[in-house]
Amino acid sequence: MLTQAFLPLFRRQQRGHIVQISSHGGVKAFAGFGSYNAGKFALEGVSEALAAEVAPLGIRLTLVEPGPFRTNFAGSAFRQVAHRITDYDTTAGAFRERMAQVNGRQEGDPVKAALAIMQIARIENPSLRLPLGKIALQTISSQLASVQADLDNWRDLAESAVMD
């Protein structure tokens, strides 16, 4: 909604920079976090499309993809389901426990993140993505390697689905 409000101005002035706050969870999904991942995946997709649409108009877009930061995200803001299914204790349950363990000890510094976002906002040709934090870099890199392995391992089967 905020993006829609700014686009007419950016189009008129033939420049602007949209900064979308996504997550490393918008690139790789985590067990027990599917709803959050779905929202961030959607933001990534719509932002990629929007970036392509507005680039010829001089408008830039950057997706900020932070990993864990010392905010209240893993604390009181972290909502959990009322009914837990024990079958998921080793997957979603393990993730839930991990969130409780890291609360207050996340690697990311929100002030440094803000400074990094301000820095990329000033760049004439910024990247589409700005991962923030070592964990975000690791998560996204491992996801890219996983996707590449699937492409390599299943290329023949994928190509077999086309008409000759």
N, C-alpha and C. Protein backbone atom coordinates (compact mmCIF):
# COMPACT_ATOMS: atom_id res chain seq x y z
N MET A 1 0.81 -1.19 0.00
CA MET A 1 0.00 0.00 0.00
C MET A 1 0.86 1.27 0.00
N LEU A 2 1.90 1.27 0.82
CA LEU A 2 2.79 2.43 0.85
C LEU A 2 3.51 2.58 -0.50
N THR A 3 3.89 1.45 -1.08
CA THR A 3 4.54 1.48 -2.39
C THR A 3 3.61 2.11 -3.41
N GLN A 4 2.35 1.72 -3.41
CA GLN A 4 1.38 2.29 -4.35
C GLN A 4 1.23 3.79 -4.16
N ALA A 5 1.33 4.24 -2.94
CA ALA A 5 1.20 5.67 -2.67
C ALA A 5 2.38 6.46 -3.24
N PHE A 6 3.57 5.87 -3.22
CA PHE A 6 4.76 6.58 -3.68
C PHE A 6 5.00 6.46 -5.19
N LEU A 7 4.48 5.42 -5.82
CA LEU A 7 4.77 5.21 -7.24
C LEU A 7 4.37 6.38 -8.14
N PRO A 8 3.21 7.02 -7.96
CA PRO A 8 2.91 8.17 -8.84
C PRO A 8 3.96 9.28 -8.75
N LEU A 9 4.42 9.57 -7.54
CA LEU A 9 5.47 10.58 -7.36
C LEU A 9 6.76 10.13 -8.04
N PHE A 10 7.16 8.90 -7.80
CA PHE A 10 8.40 8.39 -8.40
C PHE A 10 8.31 8.41 -9.93
N ARG A 11 7.14 8.07 -10.47
CA ARG A 11 6.98 8.09 -11.94
C ARG A 11 7.10 9.52 -12.46
N ARG A 12 6.47 10.47 -11.77
CA ARG A 12 6.54 11.87 -12.21
C ARG A 12 7.97 12.38 -12.20
N GLN A 13 8.72 12.08 -11.17
CA GLN A 13 10.09 12.60 -11.08
C GLN A 13 11.10 11.70 -11.79
N GLN A 14 10.62 10.56 -12.32
CA GLN A 14 11.47 9.62 -13.06
C GLN A 14 12.65 9.12 -12.24
N ARG A 15 12.41 8.97 -10.94
CA ARG A 15 13.42 8.39 -10.06
C ARG A 15 12.78 8.10 -8.71
N GLY A 16 13.44 7.23 -7.98
CA GLY A 16 12.99 6.85 -6.65
C GLY A 16 13.60 5.50 -6.29
N HIS A 17 13.50 5.16 -5.05
CA HIS A 17 14.06 3.89 -4.58
C HIS A 17 13.09 3.29 -3.56
N ILE A 18 12.55 2.14 -3.91
CA ILE A 18 11.65 1.41 -3.03
C ILE A 18 12.49 0.40 -2.25
N VAL A 19 12.35 0.39 -0.94
CA VAL A 19 13.04 -0.59 -0.10
C VAL A 19 11.98 -1.46 0.56
N GLN A 20 12.00 -2.73 0.23
CA GLN A 20 11.06 -3.70 0.80
C GLN A 20 11.78 -4.51 1.87
N ILE A 21 11.18 -4.66 3.03
CA ILE A 21 11.78 -5.46 4.09
C ILE A 21 11.23 -6.88 4.00
N SER A 22 12.07 -7.77 3.53
CA SER A 22 11.73 -9.18 3.40
C SER A 22 12.44 -9.93 4.52
N SER A 23 13.08 -11.02 4.19
CA SER A 23 13.76 -11.85 5.18
C SER A 23 14.54 -12.93 4.44
N HIS A 24 15.53 -13.50 5.11
CA HIS A 24 16.15 -14.69 4.52
C HIS A 24 15.11 -15.80 4.45
N GLY A 25 14.05 -15.69 5.27
CA GLY A 25 12.91 -16.60 5.21
C GLY A 25 12.00 -16.34 4.02
N GLY A 26 12.33 -15.39 3.19
CA GLY A 26 11.64 -15.18 1.92
C GLY A 26 12.34 -15.88 0.78
N VAL A 27 13.49 -16.48 1.09
CA VAL A 27 14.27 -17.23 0.10
C VAL A 27 14.28 -18.71 0.45
N LYS A 28 14.32 -19.02 1.71
CA LYS A 28 14.34 -20.41 2.20
C LYS A 28 13.30 -20.57 3.29
N ALA A 29 12.50 -21.62 3.18
CA ALA A 29 11.46 -21.88 4.18
C ALA A 29 12.02 -22.70 5.33
N PHE A 30 11.42 -22.52 6.50
CA PHE A 30 11.81 -23.23 7.71
C PHE A 30 10.62 -23.98 8.27
N ALA A 31 10.83 -25.21 8.71
CA ALA A 31 9.76 -25.99 9.33
C ALA A 31 9.18 -25.21 10.51
N GLY A 32 7.87 -25.16 10.57
CA GLY A 32 7.21 -24.44 11.66
C GLY A 32 7.01 -22.97 11.40
N PHE A 33 7.40 -22.51 10.23
CA PHE A 33 7.37 -21.09 9.92
C PHE A 33 6.71 -20.83 8.57
N GLY A 34 5.91 -21.78 8.12
CA GLY A 34 5.35 -21.74 6.77
C GLY A 34 4.54 -20.50 6.45
N SER A 35 3.70 -20.05 7.36
CA SER A 35 2.87 -18.87 7.07
C SER A 35 3.74 -17.63 6.89
N TYR A 36 4.73 -17.48 7.76
CA TYR A 36 5.66 -16.35 7.64
C TYR A 36 6.41 -16.44 6.32
N ASN A 37 6.94 -17.65 6.03
CA ASN A 37 7.67 -17.83 4.77
C ASN A 37 6.79 -17.51 3.57
N ALA A 38 5.54 -17.94 3.60
CA ALA A 38 4.64 -17.69 2.47
C ALA A 38 4.49 -16.20 2.21
N GLY A 39 4.32 -15.43 3.25
CA GLY A 39 4.19 -13.98 3.09
C GLY A 39 5.45 -13.36 2.52
N LYS A 40 6.59 -13.79 3.02
CA LYS A 40 7.86 -13.23 2.53
C LYS A 40 8.17 -13.72 1.11
N PHE A 41 7.84 -14.98 0.78
CA PHE A 41 8.02 -15.46 -0.60
C PHE A 41 7.18 -14.60 -1.54
N ALA A 42 5.94 -14.31 -1.15
CA ALA A 42 5.06 -13.48 -1.98
C ALA A 42 5.65 -12.09 -2.17
N LEU A 43 6.16 -11.51 -1.09
CA LEU A 43 6.78 -10.19 -1.19
C LEU A 43 7.97 -10.23 -2.15
N GLU A 44 8.77 -11.28 -2.09
CA GLU A 44 9.91 -11.41 -2.99
C GLU A 44 9.44 -11.45 -4.45
N GLY A 45 8.40 -12.24 -4.72
CA GLY A 45 7.91 -12.37 -6.09
C GLY A 45 7.33 -11.09 -6.64
N VAL A 46 6.46 -10.45 -5.87
CA VAL A 46 5.86 -9.21 -6.35
C VAL A 46 6.92 -8.12 -6.48
N SER A 47 7.91 -8.13 -5.63
CA SER A 47 8.96 -7.12 -5.69
C SER A 47 9.87 -7.33 -6.89
N GLU A 48 10.19 -8.57 -7.21
CA GLU A 48 10.98 -8.85 -8.42
C GLU A 48 10.26 -8.34 -9.66
N ALA A 49 8.95 -8.64 -9.74
CA ALA A 49 8.17 -8.19 -10.89
C ALA A 49 8.11 -6.66 -10.94
N LEU A 50 7.84 -6.05 -9.80
CA LEU A 50 7.76 -4.59 -9.74
C LEU A 50 9.09 -3.95 -10.13
N ALA A 51 10.19 -4.52 -9.66
CA ALA A 51 11.51 -3.97 -10.01
C ALA A 51 11.71 -3.95 -11.52
N ALA A 52 11.28 -5.01 -12.19
CA ALA A 52 11.41 -5.07 -13.65
C ALA A 52 10.49 -4.06 -14.33
N GLU A 53 9.31 -3.86 -13.76
CA GLU A 53 8.34 -2.92 -14.34
C GLU A 53 8.78 -1.47 -14.22
N VAL A 54 9.39 -1.10 -13.10
CA VAL A 54 9.69 0.31 -12.86
C VAL A 54 11.12 0.71 -13.21
N ALA A 55 11.99 -0.25 -13.46
CA ALA A 55 13.39 0.07 -13.79
C ALA A 55 13.50 1.03 -14.98
N PRO A 56 12.74 0.82 -16.07
CA PRO A 56 12.86 1.77 -17.19
C PRO A 56 12.41 3.19 -16.86
N LEU A 57 11.71 3.34 -15.73
CA LEU A 57 11.24 4.66 -15.32
C LEU A 57 12.21 5.35 -14.37
N GLY A 58 13.37 4.72 -14.14
CA GLY A 58 14.36 5.32 -13.24
C GLY A 58 14.12 4.99 -11.78
N ILE A 59 13.21 4.05 -11.51
CA ILE A 59 12.88 3.69 -10.14
C ILE A 59 13.59 2.38 -9.79
N ARG A 60 14.23 2.37 -8.65
CA ARG A 60 14.96 1.19 -8.19
C ARG A 60 14.21 0.53 -7.04
N LEU A 61 14.48 -0.75 -6.85
CA LEU A 61 13.85 -1.49 -5.76
C LEU A 61 14.90 -2.40 -5.14
N THR A 62 14.94 -2.45 -3.84
CA THR A 62 15.84 -3.34 -3.11
C THR A 62 15.03 -4.14 -2.09
N LEU A 63 15.24 -5.44 -2.11
CA LEU A 63 14.68 -6.34 -1.11
C LEU A 63 15.71 -6.53 -0.01
N VAL A 64 15.40 -6.10 1.18
CA VAL A 64 16.29 -6.31 2.32
C VAL A 64 15.92 -7.66 2.93
N GLU A 65 16.92 -8.55 3.06
CA GLU A 65 16.69 -9.92 3.51
C GLU A 65 17.50 -10.20 4.77
N PRO A 66 17.03 -9.68 5.90
CA PRO A 66 17.78 -9.90 7.14
C PRO A 66 17.62 -11.32 7.67
N GLY A 67 18.65 -11.74 8.37
CA GLY A 67 18.57 -12.95 9.19
C GLY A 67 18.08 -12.53 10.56
N PRO A 68 18.45 -13.27 11.60
CA PRO A 68 17.99 -12.94 12.94
C PRO A 68 18.65 -11.67 13.50
N PHE A 69 17.82 -10.76 13.98
CA PHE A 69 18.28 -9.51 14.57
C PHE A 69 17.71 -9.37 15.97
N ARG A 70 18.40 -8.62 16.78
CA ARG A 70 17.97 -8.43 18.18
C ARG A 70 16.81 -7.45 18.25
N THR A 71 15.67 -7.98 17.89
CA THR A 71 14.41 -7.26 18.02
C THR A 71 13.51 -8.13 18.89
N ASN A 72 12.29 -7.75 19.03
CA ASN A 72 11.34 -8.53 19.82
C ASN A 72 10.69 -9.65 19.01
N PHE A 73 11.17 -9.86 17.79
CA PHE A 73 10.59 -10.85 16.87
C PHE A 73 10.54 -12.25 17.49
N ALA A 74 11.61 -12.69 18.13
CA ALA A 74 11.66 -14.03 18.72
C ALA A 74 11.19 -14.04 20.17
N GLY A 75 10.80 -12.88 20.68
CA GLY A 75 10.35 -12.77 22.06
C GLY A 75 8.83 -12.72 22.15
N SER A 76 8.32 -11.69 22.80
CA SER A 76 6.88 -11.61 23.02
C SER A 76 6.09 -11.41 21.74
N ALA A 77 6.73 -10.94 20.68
CA ALA A 77 6.04 -10.77 19.39
C ALA A 77 5.86 -12.10 18.66
N PHE A 78 6.58 -13.13 19.09
CA PHE A 78 6.52 -14.45 18.44
C PHE A 78 5.28 -15.19 18.92
N ARG A 79 4.28 -15.27 18.07
CA ARG A 79 3.01 -15.92 18.42
C ARG A 79 3.09 -17.41 18.08
N GLN A 80 2.52 -18.22 18.96
CA GLN A 80 2.52 -19.66 18.76
C GLN A 80 1.09 -20.18 18.76
N VAL A 81 0.93 -21.33 18.15
CA VAL A 81 -0.39 -21.95 18.10
C VAL A 81 -0.79 -22.42 19.49
N ALA A 82 -2.08 -22.45 19.73
CA ALA A 82 -2.58 -22.90 21.03
C ALA A 82 -2.54 -24.42 21.15
N HIS A 83 -2.77 -25.11 20.04
CA HIS A 83 -2.81 -26.57 20.05
C HIS A 83 -1.57 -27.12 19.33
N ARG A 84 -0.74 -27.80 20.05
CA ARG A 84 0.48 -28.38 19.47
C ARG A 84 0.24 -29.85 19.15
N ILE A 85 0.75 -30.27 18.01
CA ILE A 85 0.64 -31.66 17.59
C ILE A 85 2.00 -32.31 17.80
N THR A 86 2.05 -33.30 18.64
CA THR A 86 3.33 -33.90 19.03
C THR A 86 4.07 -34.54 17.85
N ASP A 87 3.35 -34.90 16.79
CA ASP A 87 4.01 -35.48 15.61
C ASP A 87 5.05 -34.52 15.02
N TYR A 88 4.89 -33.23 15.29
CA TYR A 88 5.80 -32.22 14.73
C TYR A 88 6.85 -31.72 15.72
N ASP A 89 6.99 -32.39 16.84
CA ASP A 89 7.94 -31.93 17.85
C ASP A 89 9.37 -31.86 17.34
N THR A 90 9.76 -32.75 16.43
CA THR A 90 11.15 -32.75 15.95
C THR A 90 11.38 -31.79 14.79
N THR A 91 10.31 -31.24 14.23
CA THR A 91 10.47 -30.29 13.12
C THR A 91 10.02 -28.90 13.56
N ALA A 92 8.73 -28.63 13.48
CA ALA A 92 8.21 -27.32 13.89
C ALA A 92 8.48 -27.05 15.36
N GLY A 93 8.36 -28.08 16.18
CA GLY A 93 8.63 -27.92 17.61
C GLY A 93 10.07 -27.55 17.89
N ALA A 94 10.99 -28.16 17.16
CA ALA A 94 12.41 -27.84 17.33
C ALA A 94 12.68 -26.39 16.93
N PHE A 95 12.03 -25.93 15.88
CA PHE A 95 12.20 -24.54 15.46
C PHE A 95 11.66 -23.60 16.53
N ARG A 96 10.50 -23.93 17.09
CA ARG A 96 9.89 -23.12 18.14
C ARG A 96 10.83 -23.00 19.34
N GLU A 97 11.44 -24.12 19.73
CA GLU A 97 12.39 -24.11 20.85
C GLU A 97 13.62 -23.27 20.52
N ARG A 98 14.08 -23.37 19.29
CA ARG A 98 15.26 -22.60 18.86
C ARG A 98 14.97 -21.10 18.94
N MET A 99 13.78 -20.70 18.57
CA MET A 99 13.41 -19.28 18.65
C MET A 99 13.52 -18.79 20.10
N ALA A 100 13.04 -19.59 21.02
CA ALA A 100 13.10 -19.21 22.44
C ALA A 100 14.55 -19.10 22.91
N GLN A 101 15.41 -19.99 22.42
CA GLN A 101 16.81 -20.00 22.85
C GLN A 101 17.60 -18.80 22.33
N VAL A 102 17.27 -18.34 21.13
CA VAL A 102 18.05 -17.25 20.53
C VAL A 102 17.54 -15.87 20.92
N ASN A 103 16.36 -15.79 21.48
CA ASN A 103 15.80 -14.49 21.81
C ASN A 103 16.77 -13.68 22.68
N GLY A 104 17.11 -12.51 22.19
CA GLY A 104 18.04 -11.63 22.90
C GLY A 104 19.50 -11.90 22.58
N ARG A 105 19.77 -12.97 21.81
CA ARG A 105 21.15 -13.32 21.46
C ARG A 105 21.37 -13.40 19.95
N GLN A 106 20.44 -12.86 19.18
CA GLN A 106 20.58 -12.89 17.74
C GLN A 106 21.82 -12.10 17.32
N GLU A 107 22.38 -12.49 16.20
CA GLU A 107 23.63 -11.85 15.74
C GLU A 107 23.43 -10.43 15.25
N GLY A 108 22.26 -10.11 14.74
CA GLY A 108 22.07 -8.84 14.07
C GLY A 108 21.83 -7.66 15.00
N ASP A 109 22.44 -6.55 14.64
CA ASP A 109 22.30 -5.29 15.36
C ASP A 109 21.36 -4.39 14.55
N PRO A 110 20.17 -4.07 15.06
CA PRO A 110 19.22 -3.25 14.30
C PRO A 110 19.76 -1.90 13.87
N VAL A 111 20.60 -1.28 14.67
CA VAL A 111 21.17 0.02 14.30
C VAL A 111 22.09 -0.14 13.09
N LYS A 112 22.92 -1.17 13.11
CA LYS A 112 23.81 -1.41 11.96
C LYS A 112 23.01 -1.78 10.71
N ALA A 113 21.91 -2.50 10.89
CA ALA A 113 21.04 -2.83 9.75
C ALA A 113 20.47 -1.56 9.15
N ALA A 114 19.99 -0.65 9.99
CA ALA A 114 19.44 0.61 9.51
C ALA A 114 20.50 1.40 8.73
N LEU A 115 21.72 1.40 9.22
CA LEU A 115 22.80 2.11 8.53
C LEU A 115 23.09 1.48 7.17
N ALA A 116 23.05 0.14 7.10
CA ALA A 116 23.27 -0.54 5.83
C ALA A 116 22.15 -0.23 4.84
N ILE A 117 20.93 -0.19 5.31
CA ILE A 117 19.79 0.14 4.44
C ILE A 117 19.90 1.57 3.95
N MET A 118 20.29 2.49 4.83
CA MET A 118 20.47 3.89 4.41
C MET A 118 21.59 3.99 3.37
N GLN A 119 22.64 3.19 3.54
CA GLN A 119 23.75 3.22 2.59
C GLN A 119 23.30 2.75 1.20
N ILE A 120 22.57 1.65 1.15
CA ILE A 120 22.14 1.15 -0.17
C ILE A 120 21.10 2.06 -0.80
N ALA A 121 20.33 2.76 0.04
CA ALA A 121 19.31 3.68 -0.49
C ALA A 121 19.95 4.86 -1.21
N ARG A 122 21.19 5.17 -0.91
CA ARG A 122 21.89 6.30 -1.54
C ARG A 122 22.63 5.91 -2.82
N ILE A 123 22.70 4.63 -3.11
CA ILE A 123 23.46 4.15 -4.26
C ILE A 123 22.63 4.32 -5.53
N GLU A 124 23.26 4.80 -6.59
CA GLU A 124 22.54 5.05 -7.83
C GLU A 124 22.00 3.76 -8.46
N ASN A 125 22.79 2.71 -8.47
CA ASN A 125 22.37 1.43 -9.03
C ASN A 125 22.50 0.34 -7.97
N PRO A 126 21.56 0.31 -7.03
CA PRO A 126 21.64 -0.67 -5.95
C PRO A 126 21.30 -2.08 -6.43
N SER A 127 21.69 -3.05 -5.65
CA SER A 127 21.34 -4.43 -5.97
C SER A 127 19.86 -4.66 -5.69
N LEU A 128 19.29 -5.68 -6.32
CA LEU A 128 17.91 -6.04 -6.05
C LEU A 128 17.78 -6.60 -4.64
N ARG A 129 18.81 -7.30 -4.18
CA ARG A 129 18.76 -7.93 -2.85
C ARG A 129 19.89 -7.42 -1.97
N LEU A 130 19.55 -7.27 -0.69
CA LEU A 130 20.55 -6.93 0.32
C LEU A 130 20.35 -7.88 1.50
N PRO A 131 21.04 -9.03 1.50
CA PRO A 131 20.98 -9.88 2.70
C PRO A 131 21.72 -9.17 3.82
N LEU A 132 21.22 -9.31 5.04
CA LEU A 132 21.87 -8.69 6.19
C LEU A 132 22.18 -9.74 7.25
N GLY A 133 23.46 -9.88 7.56
CA GLY A 133 23.90 -10.80 8.59
C GLY A 133 24.54 -12.06 8.02
N LYS A 134 25.39 -12.65 8.82
CA LYS A 134 26.08 -13.87 8.40
C LYS A 134 25.12 -15.03 8.21
N ILE A 135 24.11 -15.14 9.08
CA ILE A 135 23.16 -16.23 8.95
C ILE A 135 22.34 -16.08 7.68
N ALA A 136 21.94 -14.87 7.35
CA ALA A 136 21.20 -14.64 6.11
C ALA A 136 22.04 -15.04 4.91
N LEU A 137 23.30 -14.66 4.90
CA LEU A 137 24.19 -15.04 3.79
C LEU A 137 24.31 -16.56 3.69
N GLN A 138 24.46 -17.22 4.83
CA GLN A 138 24.58 -18.67 4.85
C GLN A 138 23.28 -19.34 4.39
N THR A 139 22.16 -18.89 4.90
CA THR A 139 20.87 -19.46 4.54
C THR A 139 20.60 -19.33 3.04
N ILE A 140 20.78 -18.15 2.51
CA ILE A 140 20.51 -17.90 1.09
C ILE A 140 21.49 -18.67 0.22
N SER A 141 22.75 -18.70 0.59
CA SER A 141 23.75 -19.46 -0.18
C SER A 141 23.41 -20.95 -0.20
N SER A 142 23.01 -21.50 0.94
CA SER A 142 22.68 -22.94 0.97
C SER A 142 21.42 -23.22 0.15
N GLN A 143 20.47 -22.29 0.15
CA GLN A 143 19.26 -22.48 -0.66
C GLN A 143 19.60 -22.45 -2.14
N LEU A 144 20.45 -21.52 -2.55
CA LEU A 144 20.85 -21.45 -3.96
C LEU A 144 21.59 -22.72 -4.37
N ALA A 145 22.45 -23.24 -3.51
CA ALA A 145 23.17 -24.49 -3.81
C ALA A 145 22.20 -25.66 -3.92
N SER A 146 21.18 -25.69 -3.08
CA SER A 146 20.18 -26.75 -3.11
C SER A 146 19.38 -26.70 -4.42
N VAL A 147 18.98 -25.51 -4.83
CA VAL A 147 18.23 -25.36 -6.08
C VAL A 147 19.12 -25.77 -7.26
N GLN A 148 20.39 -25.37 -7.24
CA GLN A 148 21.30 -25.74 -8.33
C GLN A 148 21.49 -27.25 -8.39
N ALA A 149 21.60 -27.90 -7.23
CA ALA A 149 21.74 -29.36 -7.20
C ALA A 149 20.51 -30.03 -7.79
N ASP A 150 19.31 -29.53 -7.47
CA ASP A 150 18.10 -30.09 -8.06
C ASP A 150 18.09 -29.92 -9.58
N LEU A 151 18.48 -28.75 -10.06
CA LEU A 151 18.56 -28.52 -11.51
C LEU A 151 19.53 -29.49 -12.16
N ASP A 152 20.69 -29.64 -11.57
CA ASP A 152 21.71 -30.53 -12.13
C ASP A 152 21.28 -31.99 -12.08
N ASN A 153 20.72 -32.42 -10.96
CA ASN A 153 20.36 -33.83 -10.77
C ASN A 153 19.16 -34.26 -11.59
N TRP A 154 18.26 -33.36 -11.89
CA TRP A 154 17.03 -33.72 -12.55
C TRP A 154 16.87 -33.09 -13.93
N ARG A 155 17.95 -32.59 -14.49
CA ARG A 155 17.90 -31.93 -15.80
C ARG A 155 17.33 -32.86 -16.88
N ASP A 156 17.79 -34.12 -16.95
CA ASP A 156 17.31 -35.03 -17.99
C ASP A 156 15.82 -35.28 -17.87
N LEU A 157 15.34 -35.48 -16.65
CA LEU A 157 13.90 -35.70 -16.45
C LEU A 157 13.12 -34.44 -16.82
N ALA A 158 13.63 -33.28 -16.43
CA ALA A 158 12.96 -32.02 -16.75
C ALA A 158 12.86 -31.82 -18.26
N GLU A 159 13.96 -32.08 -18.96
CA GLU A 159 13.97 -31.91 -20.41
C GLU A 159 13.13 -32.95 -21.13
N SER A 160 12.86 -34.09 -20.50
CA SER A 160 12.06 -35.14 -21.13
C SER A 160 10.60 -34.74 -21.25
N ALA A 161 10.18 -33.68 -20.60
CA ALA A 161 8.78 -33.28 -20.60
C ALA A 161 8.41 -32.36 -21.75
N VAL A 162 9.32 -32.12 -22.68
CA VAL A 162 9.02 -31.24 -23.81
C VAL A 162 8.79 -32.06 -25.08
N MET A 163 8.06 -31.45 -26.00
CA MET A 163 7.82 -32.12 -27.28
C MET A 163 9.05 -32.03 -28.15
N ASP A 164 9.33 -33.09 -28.86
CA ASP A 164 10.49 -33.10 -29.78
C ASP A 164 10.23 -32.34 -31.05
